[in-house]
Amino acid sequence: MSLKNYFEKRDFTRTPEPQKGEKITGDTLHFVVQRHQASKLHYDFRLEMDGVLKSWVIPKGPSMNPKDKRLAVMVEDHPLEYRTFEGEIPEGNYGAGIVTIWDEGTYQVAPDNEEPSDEKTLLSQLKKGSLTFILKGKRLKGIFSLVKLQKGDPDSWLLIKKKDEEATEKAYNSEDFVKKAAIKTTRTRKTQKKPSAGKPDPSPKVLQWEQKRQQKKQKETGMKNQKTGIAKEWK
């Protein structure tokens, strides 16, 4: 568990984000998905684990359709208090934009005859680069997997819905569950003036990752052959 990167990236005299880092003990593990209207709209997927929120940025948002393999870029750990955070991060700060909770609930390790259903198993799976768990939220329900890509950026994972009674075969768009007022706010932000030079880059890590990927797009044909769906995620 380390929140060093989280604290280093933020000036808490200028952002309303949580600055506590205490470890909260309990038997129930929680998850949250936050819709983040930053310089580019994305969703933040967070799992409570080892006293922090392990976090991934999902550019297209999560899906309940097993056919969708959603790119998830792992970012710095966040404090547990971030699970209930909603508000606006002012321009000039890291991740500037509006944060709202899209879904939340509890989760647990998916049943397995070979592994115990506890937090130690989750940490072991995280280290191995393959997590399987059951989400119990309002919108996200059932078995999901987070799988780390073997090639390319070391922080690149895929969030995949497993086939079960909760899954859907219909096209799934996270924005379909967002109120029209929130979507309108997102479009308005795109027309606003960008921060002046000299201020910290408000873009989250996923934007830096995307820029790097675009620059090397012509050279990374091997990755397209390995995961056909991944190349389409950033088009």
C-alpha atoms as a PDB file:
ATOM      1  CA  MET A   1       0.000   0.000   0.000  1.00  0.00           C
ATOM      2  CA  SER A   2       1.387   3.400  -0.972  1.00  0.00           C
ATOM      3  CA  LEU A   3      -0.301   6.756  -1.447  1.00  0.00           C
ATOM      4  CA  LYS A   4       2.940   8.609  -2.158  1.00  0.00           C
ATOM      5  CA  ASN A   5       2.154   9.237  -5.833  1.00  0.00           C
ATOM      6  CA  TYR A   6      -1.380  10.363  -4.985  1.00  0.00           C
ATOM      7  CA  PHE A   7      -0.142  13.004  -2.547  1.00  0.00           C
ATOM      8  CA  GLU A   8       2.731  14.161  -4.767  1.00  0.00           C
ATOM      9  CA  LYS A   9       0.388  14.959  -7.658  1.00  0.00           C
ATOM     10  CA  ARG A  10      -2.002  17.128  -5.644  1.00  0.00           C
ATOM     11  CA  ASP A  11      -1.978  20.482  -3.881  1.00  0.00           C
ATOM     12  CA  PHE A  12      -4.663  20.138  -1.218  1.00  0.00           C
ATOM     13  CA  THR A  13      -4.859  23.883  -0.736  1.00  0.00           C
ATOM     14  CA  ARG A  14      -6.281  24.041  -4.271  1.00  0.00           C
ATOM     15  CA  THR A  15      -8.290  20.835  -4.669  1.00  0.00           C
ATOM     16  CA  PRO A  16     -11.231  19.459  -2.647  1.00  0.00           C
ATOM     17  CA  GLU A  17     -10.043  15.872  -3.092  1.00  0.00           C
ATOM     18  CA  PRO A  18      -9.597  13.719   0.048  1.00  0.00           C
ATOM     19  CA  GLN A  19      -6.204  14.024   1.687  1.00  0.00           C
ATOM     20  CA  LYS A  20      -6.553  11.386   4.390  1.00  0.00           C
ATOM     21  CA  GLY A  21      -4.796   8.080   4.091  1.00  0.00           C
ATOM     22  CA  GLU A  22      -5.843   6.089   7.126  1.00  0.00           C
ATOM     23  CA  LYS A  23      -6.363   2.366   6.724  1.00  0.00           C
ATOM     24  CA  ILE A  24      -9.946   1.359   7.480  1.00  0.00           C
ATOM     25  CA  THR A  25     -10.467  -2.232   8.553  1.00  0.00           C
ATOM     26  CA  GLY A  26     -13.563  -4.290   7.827  1.00  0.00           C
ATOM     27  CA  ASP A  27     -14.761  -7.534   6.290  1.00  0.00           C
ATOM     28  CA  THR A  28     -16.682  -5.948   3.409  1.00  0.00           C
ATOM     29  CA  LEU A  29     -14.814  -4.717   0.335  1.00  0.00           C
ATOM     30  CA  HIS A  30     -16.221  -1.850  -1.724  1.00  0.00           C
ATOM     31  CA  PHE A  31     -15.882  -0.634  -5.288  1.00  0.00           C
ATOM     32  CA  VAL A  32     -16.807   2.597  -7.027  1.00  0.00           C
ATOM     33  CA  VAL A  33     -16.975   3.848 -10.605  1.00  0.00           C
ATOM     34  CA  GLN A  34     -16.611   7.607 -10.963  1.00  0.00           C
ATOM     35  CA  ARG A  35     -17.470   9.505 -14.119  1.00  0.00           C
ATOM     36  CA  HIS A  36     -14.682  12.031 -14.631  1.00  0.00           C
ATOM     37  CA  GLN A  37     -15.337  15.005 -16.901  1.00  0.00           C
ATOM     38  CA  ALA A  38     -11.700  16.008 -17.318  1.00  0.00           C
ATOM     39  CA  SER A  39     -10.071  17.387 -20.485  1.00  0.00           C
ATOM     40  CA  LYS A  40     -11.244  14.084 -21.930  1.00  0.00           C
ATOM     41  CA  LEU A  41     -14.234  12.222 -20.506  1.00  0.00           C
ATOM     42  CA  HIS A  42     -13.416   8.874 -18.906  1.00  0.00           C
ATOM     43  CA  TYR A  43     -14.447   6.603 -16.053  1.00  0.00           C
ATOM     44  CA  ASP A  44     -12.388   5.742 -12.961  1.00  0.00           C
ATOM     45  CA  PHE A  45     -12.795   2.172 -11.694  1.00  0.00           C
ATOM     46  CA  ARG A  46     -11.661   1.619  -8.098  1.00  0.00           C
ATOM     47  CA  LEU A  47     -11.440  -1.528  -5.970  1.00  0.00           C
ATOM     48  CA  GLU A  48     -10.845  -1.453  -2.221  1.00  0.00           C
ATOM     49  CA  MET A  49      -7.792  -3.566  -1.513  1.00  0.00           C
ATOM     50  CA  ASP A  50      -4.978  -3.532   1.051  1.00  0.00           C
ATOM     51  CA  GLY A  51      -6.289  -0.377   2.715  1.00  0.00           C
ATOM     52  CA  VAL A  52      -6.419   1.725  -0.473  1.00  0.00           C
ATOM     53  CA  LEU A  53      -8.414   2.003  -3.680  1.00  0.00           C
ATOM     54  CA  LYS A  54      -6.609   0.270  -6.530  1.00  0.00           C
ATOM     55  CA  SER A  55      -7.517   2.406  -9.528  1.00  0.00           C
ATOM     56  CA  TRP A  56      -7.892   2.096 -13.290  1.00  0.00           C
ATOM     57  CA  VAL A  57      -8.943   4.667 -15.892  1.00  0.00           C
ATOM     58  CA  ILE A  58     -11.456   3.252 -18.384  1.00  0.00           C
ATOM     59  CA  PRO A  59     -11.714   5.597 -21.399  1.00  0.00           C
ATOM     60  CA  LYS A  60     -14.956   4.101 -22.746  1.00  0.00           C
ATOM     61  CA  GLY A  61     -16.459   3.183 -19.396  1.00  0.00           C
ATOM     62  CA  PRO A  62     -17.316  -0.314 -18.111  1.00  0.00           C
ATOM     63  CA  SER A  63     -19.675  -2.666 -19.943  1.00  0.00           C
ATOM     64  CA  MET A  64     -22.084  -5.452 -19.037  1.00  0.00           C
ATOM     65  CA  ASN A  65     -21.589  -7.054 -22.462  1.00  0.00           C
ATOM     66  CA  PRO A  66     -19.006  -9.902 -22.431  1.00  0.00           C
ATOM     67  CA  LYS A  67     -18.015  -9.056 -26.010  1.00  0.00           C
ATOM     68  CA  ASP A  68     -16.628  -5.699 -24.877  1.00  0.00           C
ATOM     69  CA  LYS A  69     -13.026  -5.795 -23.734  1.00  0.00           C
ATOM     70  CA  ARG A  70     -12.601  -2.350 -22.228  1.00  0.00           C
ATOM     71  CA  LEU A  71      -9.113  -0.903 -21.936  1.00  0.00           C
ATOM     72  CA  ALA A  72      -8.263  -0.055 -18.311  1.00  0.00           C
ATOM     73  CA  VAL A  73      -5.095   1.915 -17.540  1.00  0.00           C
ATOM     74  CA  MET A  74      -3.840   1.395 -13.997  1.00  0.00           C
ATOM     75  CA  VAL A  75      -3.028   4.635 -12.159  1.00  0.00           C
ATOM     76  CA  GLU A  76      -1.900   5.568  -8.658  1.00  0.00           C
ATOM     77  CA  ASP A  77      -3.609   4.191  -5.544  1.00  0.00           C
ATOM     78  CA  HIS A  78      -6.239   6.471  -4.008  1.00  0.00           C
ATOM     79  CA  PRO A  79      -7.248   6.749  -0.327  1.00  0.00           C
ATOM     80  CA  LEU A  80     -10.389   4.905   0.752  1.00  0.00           C
ATOM     81  CA  GLU A  81     -12.100   8.243   1.397  1.00  0.00           C
ATOM     82  CA  TYR A  82     -12.083   8.838  -2.362  1.00  0.00           C
ATOM     83  CA  ARG A  83     -14.843   6.243  -2.680  1.00  0.00           C
ATOM     84  CA  THR A  84     -17.473   8.826  -1.732  1.00  0.00           C
ATOM     85  CA  PHE A  85     -15.856  11.833  -3.436  1.00  0.00           C
ATOM     86  CA  GLU A  86     -17.905  13.951  -5.811  1.00  0.00           C
ATOM     87  CA  GLY A  87     -17.121  17.499  -6.834  1.00  0.00           C
ATOM     88  CA  GLU A  88     -15.156  19.726  -9.172  1.00  0.00           C
ATOM     89  CA  ILE A  89     -11.367  19.705  -9.284  1.00  0.00           C
ATOM     90  CA  PRO A  90     -10.382  23.288 -10.249  1.00  0.00           C
ATOM     91  CA  GLU A  91      -8.545  24.089 -13.476  1.00  0.00           C
ATOM     92  CA  GLY A  92      -4.780  23.977 -13.129  1.00  0.00           C
ATOM     93  CA  ASN A  93      -4.875  20.935 -10.867  1.00  0.00           C
ATOM     94  CA  TYR A  94      -4.072  17.352 -11.775  1.00  0.00           C
ATOM     95  CA  GLY A  95      -7.209  15.731 -13.193  1.00  0.00           C
ATOM     96  CA  ALA A  96      -9.146  19.004 -13.340  1.00  0.00           C
ATOM     97  CA  GLY A  97     -12.826  18.439 -14.030  1.00  0.00           C
ATOM     98  CA  ILE A  98     -16.095  17.248 -12.521  1.00  0.00           C
ATOM     99  CA  VAL A  99     -16.239  13.922 -10.676  1.00  0.00           C
ATOM    100  CA  THR A 100     -19.543  12.129 -10.049  1.00  0.00           C
ATOM    101  CA  ILE A 101     -20.312   8.630  -8.801  1.00  0.00           C
ATOM    102  CA  TRP A 102     -21.643   6.484 -11.654  1.00  0.00           C
ATOM    103  CA  ASP A 103     -21.941   3.251  -9.667  1.00  0.00           C
ATOM    104  CA  GLU A 104     -20.901   1.850  -6.306  1.00  0.00           C
ATOM    105  CA  GLY A 105     -21.356  -1.218  -4.171  1.00  0.00           C
ATOM    106  CA  THR A 106     -19.504  -4.152  -2.687  1.00  0.00           C
ATOM    107  CA  TYR A 107     -17.463  -6.895  -4.302  1.00  0.00           C
ATOM    108  CA  GLN A 108     -15.845 -10.219  -3.499  1.00  0.00           C
ATOM    109  CA  VAL A 109     -13.499 -12.779  -4.980  1.00  0.00           C
ATOM    110  CA  ALA A 110     -15.223 -15.039  -7.507  1.00  0.00           C
ATOM    111  CA  PRO A 111     -15.703 -18.570  -6.086  1.00  0.00           C
ATOM    112  CA  ASP A 112     -12.857 -20.928  -6.897  1.00  0.00           C
ATOM    113  CA  ASN A 113     -12.234 -24.394  -5.562  1.00  0.00           C
ATOM    114  CA  GLU A 114      -8.490 -23.840  -5.513  1.00  0.00           C
ATOM    115  CA  GLU A 115      -8.266 -20.394  -3.913  1.00  0.00           C
ATOM    116  CA  PRO A 116      -9.830 -19.007  -0.717  1.00  0.00           C
ATOM    117  CA  SER A 117     -12.357 -16.185  -1.134  1.00  0.00           C
ATOM    118  CA  ASP A 118     -10.532 -13.437   0.746  1.00  0.00           C
ATOM    119  CA  GLU A 119      -8.489 -10.270   0.258  1.00  0.00           C
ATOM    120  CA  LYS A 120      -5.190 -12.165   0.194  1.00  0.00           C
ATOM    121  CA  THR A 121      -6.403 -13.969  -2.892  1.00  0.00           C
ATOM    122  CA  LEU A 122      -7.202 -10.645  -4.564  1.00  0.00           C
ATOM    123  CA  LEU A 123      -3.718  -9.308  -3.840  1.00  0.00           C
ATOM    124  CA  SER A 124      -2.193 -12.511  -5.186  1.00  0.00           C
ATOM    125  CA  GLN A 125      -4.271 -12.257  -8.360  1.00  0.00           C
ATOM    126  CA  LEU A 126      -3.341  -8.587  -8.749  1.00  0.00           C
ATOM    127  CA  LYS A 127       0.335  -9.461  -8.580  1.00  0.00           C
ATOM    128  CA  LYS A 128      -0.149 -12.184 -11.192  1.00  0.00           C
ATOM    129  CA  GLY A 129      -1.999  -9.775 -13.471  1.00  0.00           C
ATOM    130  CA  SER A 130      -5.377 -11.524 -13.549  1.00  0.00           C
ATOM    131  CA  LEU A 131      -8.266 -10.682 -11.193  1.00  0.00           C
ATOM    132  CA  THR A 132     -11.692 -12.333 -11.126  1.00  0.00           C
ATOM    133  CA  PHE A 133     -14.376 -10.908  -8.851  1.00  0.00           C
ATOM    134  CA  ILE A 134     -18.106 -10.431  -8.344  1.00  0.00           C
ATOM    135  CA  LEU A 135     -19.495  -6.886  -8.366  1.00  0.00           C
ATOM    136  CA  LYS A 136     -22.670  -6.082  -6.453  1.00  0.00           C
ATOM    137  CA  GLY A 137     -23.580  -2.599  -7.623  1.00  0.00           C
ATOM    138  CA  LYS A 138     -26.652  -0.884  -9.003  1.00  0.00           C
ATOM    139  CA  ARG A 139     -25.444  -1.017 -12.608  1.00  0.00           C
ATOM    140  CA  LEU A 140     -22.489  -3.377 -12.571  1.00  0.00           C
ATOM    141  CA  LYS A 141     -23.411  -6.851 -11.367  1.00  0.00           C
ATOM    142  CA  GLY A 142     -21.979 -10.324 -11.639  1.00  0.00           C
ATOM    143  CA  ILE A 143     -18.565 -11.721 -12.480  1.00  0.00           C
ATOM    144  CA  PHE A 144     -15.840  -9.544 -14.020  1.00  0.00           C
ATOM    145  CA  SER A 145     -12.169  -9.995 -14.825  1.00  0.00           C
ATOM    146  CA  LEU A 146      -9.275  -7.561 -14.974  1.00  0.00           C
ATOM    147  CA  VAL A 147      -6.482  -8.956 -17.120  1.00  0.00           C
ATOM    148  CA  LYS A 148      -3.097  -7.318 -17.578  1.00  0.00           C
ATOM    149  CA  LEU A 149      -1.782  -7.150 -21.138  1.00  0.00           C
ATOM    150  CA  GLN A 150       1.473  -9.000 -21.636  1.00  0.00           C
ATOM    151  CA  LYS A 151       2.806  -6.574 -24.250  1.00  0.00           C
ATOM    152  CA  GLY A 152       2.772  -2.820 -24.638  1.00  0.00           C
ATOM    153  CA  ASP A 153       2.362  -0.364 -21.779  1.00  0.00           C
ATOM    154  CA  PRO A 154       2.939  -2.084 -18.389  1.00  0.00           C
ATOM    155  CA  ASP A 155      -0.121  -0.376 -16.893  1.00  0.00           C
ATOM    156  CA  SER A 156      -2.547  -1.603 -19.559  1.00  0.00           C
ATOM    157  CA  TRP A 157      -5.310  -3.995 -18.498  1.00  0.00           C
ATOM    158  CA  LEU A 158      -8.649  -5.160 -19.897  1.00  0.00           C
ATOM    159  CA  LEU A 159     -11.913  -5.066 -17.932  1.00  0.00           C
ATOM    160  CA  ILE A 160     -14.127  -7.899 -19.157  1.00  0.00           C
ATOM    161  CA  LYS A 161     -17.639  -8.927 -18.138  1.00  0.00           C
ATOM    162  CA  LYS A 162     -17.997 -12.693 -17.817  1.00  0.00           C
ATOM    163  CA  LYS A 163     -20.974 -14.559 -19.234  1.00  0.00           C
ATOM    164  CA  ASP A 164     -23.527 -15.060 -16.468  1.00  0.00           C
ATOM    165  CA  GLU A 165     -27.187 -14.333 -15.745  1.00  0.00           C
ATOM    166  CA  GLU A 166     -26.399 -10.628 -15.225  1.00  0.00           C
ATOM    167  CA  ALA A 167     -24.671 -10.150 -18.589  1.00  0.00           C
ATOM    168  CA  THR A 168     -26.311  -8.569 -21.625  1.00  0.00           C
ATOM    169  CA  GLU A 169     -25.874  -9.157 -25.349  1.00  0.00           C
ATOM    170  CA  LYS A 170     -27.101  -5.673 -26.215  1.00  0.00           C
ATOM    171  CA  ALA A 171     -24.783  -2.774 -27.072  1.00  0.00           C
ATOM    172  CA  TYR A 172     -23.676  -1.126 -23.837  1.00  0.00           C
ATOM    173  CA  ASN A 173     -22.756   2.538 -23.425  1.00  0.00           C
ATOM    174  CA  SER A 174     -22.039   3.909 -19.938  1.00  0.00           C
ATOM    175  CA  GLU A 175     -23.242   7.345 -21.044  1.00  0.00           C
ATOM    176  CA  ASP A 176     -26.763   5.974 -21.562  1.00  0.00           C
ATOM    177  CA  PHE A 177     -27.136   5.922 -17.773  1.00  0.00           C
ATOM    178  CA  VAL A 178     -26.018   9.516 -17.265  1.00  0.00           C
ATOM    179  CA  LYS A 179     -28.499  12.353 -16.817  1.00  0.00           C
ATOM    180  CA  LYS A 180     -28.760  14.735 -19.774  1.00  0.00           C
ATOM    181  CA  ALA A 181     -27.704  17.673 -17.586  1.00  0.00           C
ATOM    182  CA  ALA A 182     -24.377  15.986 -16.836  1.00  0.00           C
ATOM    183  CA  ILE A 183     -23.745  15.214 -20.497  1.00  0.00           C
ATOM    184  CA  LYS A 184     -24.499  18.835 -21.407  1.00  0.00           C
ATOM    185  CA  THR A 185     -21.964  19.977 -18.795  1.00  0.00           C
ATOM    186  CA  THR A 186     -19.337  17.743 -20.390  1.00  0.00           C
ATOM    187  CA  ARG A 187     -19.929  19.254 -23.826  1.00  0.00           C
ATOM    188  CA  THR A 188     -19.768  22.770 -22.382  1.00  0.00           C
ATOM    189  CA  ARG A 189     -16.388  22.068 -20.763  1.00  0.00           C
ATOM    190  CA  LYS A 190     -14.937  21.091 -24.141  1.00  0.00           C
ATOM    191  CA  THR A 191     -15.479  24.641 -25.398  1.00  0.00           C
ATOM    192  CA  GLN A 192     -13.933  26.320 -22.379  1.00  0.00           C
ATOM    193  CA  LYS A 193     -10.510  27.916 -22.556  1.00  0.00           C
ATOM    194  CA  LYS A 194      -7.637  25.642 -21.644  1.00  0.00           C
ATOM    195  CA  PRO A 195      -5.349  26.492 -18.666  1.00  0.00           C
ATOM    196  CA  SER A 196      -2.625  28.998 -19.466  1.00  0.00           C
ATOM    197  CA  ALA A 197       0.981  27.943 -19.941  1.00  0.00           C
ATOM    198  CA  GLY A 198       2.962  27.280 -16.806  1.00  0.00           C
ATOM    199  CA  LYS A 199       0.133  25.604 -14.891  1.00  0.00           C
ATOM    200  CA  PRO A 200       0.257  21.884 -14.074  1.00  0.00           C
ATOM    201  CA  ASP A 201      -1.088  19.576 -16.757  1.00  0.00           C
ATOM    202  CA  PRO A 202      -4.642  18.739 -15.641  1.00  0.00           C
ATOM    203  CA  SER A 203      -4.782  15.618 -17.799  1.00  0.00           C
ATOM    204  CA  PRO A 204      -4.826  12.239 -16.021  1.00  0.00           C
ATOM    205  CA  LYS A 205      -2.276   9.574 -16.738  1.00  0.00           C
ATOM    206  CA  VAL A 206      -4.420   7.981 -19.392  1.00  0.00           C
ATOM    207  CA  LEU A 207      -4.022  11.027 -21.660  1.00  0.00           C
ATOM    208  CA  GLN A 208      -0.243  10.796 -21.474  1.00  0.00           C
ATOM    209  CA  TRP A 209      -0.526   7.123 -22.258  1.00  0.00           C
ATOM    210  CA  GLU A 210      -2.773   7.839 -25.242  1.00  0.00           C
ATOM    211  CA  GLN A 211      -0.396  10.419 -26.696  1.00  0.00           C
ATOM    212  CA  LYS A 212       2.482   7.987 -26.449  1.00  0.00           C
ATOM    213  CA  ARG A 213       0.418   5.274 -28.081  1.00  0.00           C
ATOM    214  CA  GLN A 214      -0.638   7.514 -30.959  1.00  0.00           C
ATOM    215  CA  GLN A 215       2.983   8.472 -31.671  1.00  0.00           C
ATOM    216  CA  LYS A 216       3.941   4.820 -31.979  1.00  0.00           C
ATOM    217  CA  LYS A 217       0.743   3.666 -33.658  1.00  0.00           C
ATOM    218  CA  GLN A 218       2.427   2.732 -36.952  1.00  0.00           C
ATOM    219  CA  LYS A 219       5.110   0.694 -35.191  1.00  0.00           C
ATOM    220  CA  GLU A 220       2.871  -1.284 -32.861  1.00  0.00           C
ATOM    221  CA  THR A 221       1.314  -3.663 -35.389  1.00  0.00           C
ATOM    222  CA  GLY A 222       2.249  -6.588 -33.199  1.00  0.00           C
ATOM    223  CA  MET A 223      -0.120  -5.463 -30.486  1.00  0.00           C
ATOM    224  CA  LYS A 224      -2.971  -5.226 -33.010  1.00  0.00           C
ATOM    225  CA  ASN A 225      -2.397  -8.811 -34.045  1.00  0.00           C
ATOM    226  CA  GLN A 226      -2.404  -9.947 -30.432  1.00  0.00           C
ATOM    227  CA  LYS A 227      -5.574  -8.111 -29.380  1.00  0.00           C
ATOM    228  CA  THR A 228      -7.652  -6.944 -32.323  1.00  0.00           C
ATOM    229  CA  GLY A 229     -10.162  -5.226 -30.094  1.00  0.00           C
ATOM    230  CA  ILE A 230      -7.590  -3.103 -28.270  1.00  0.00           C
ATOM    231  CA  ALA A 231      -6.492  -1.172 -31.346  1.00  0.00           C
ATOM    232  CA  LYS A 232     -10.096  -0.017 -31.804  1.00  0.00           C
ATOM    233  CA  GLU A 233     -10.419   1.294 -28.244  1.00  0.00           C
ATOM    234  CA  TRP A 234      -8.411   4.422 -29.012  1.00  0.00           C
ATOM    235  CA  LYS A 235      -9.732   5.290 -32.469  1.00  0.00           C
END
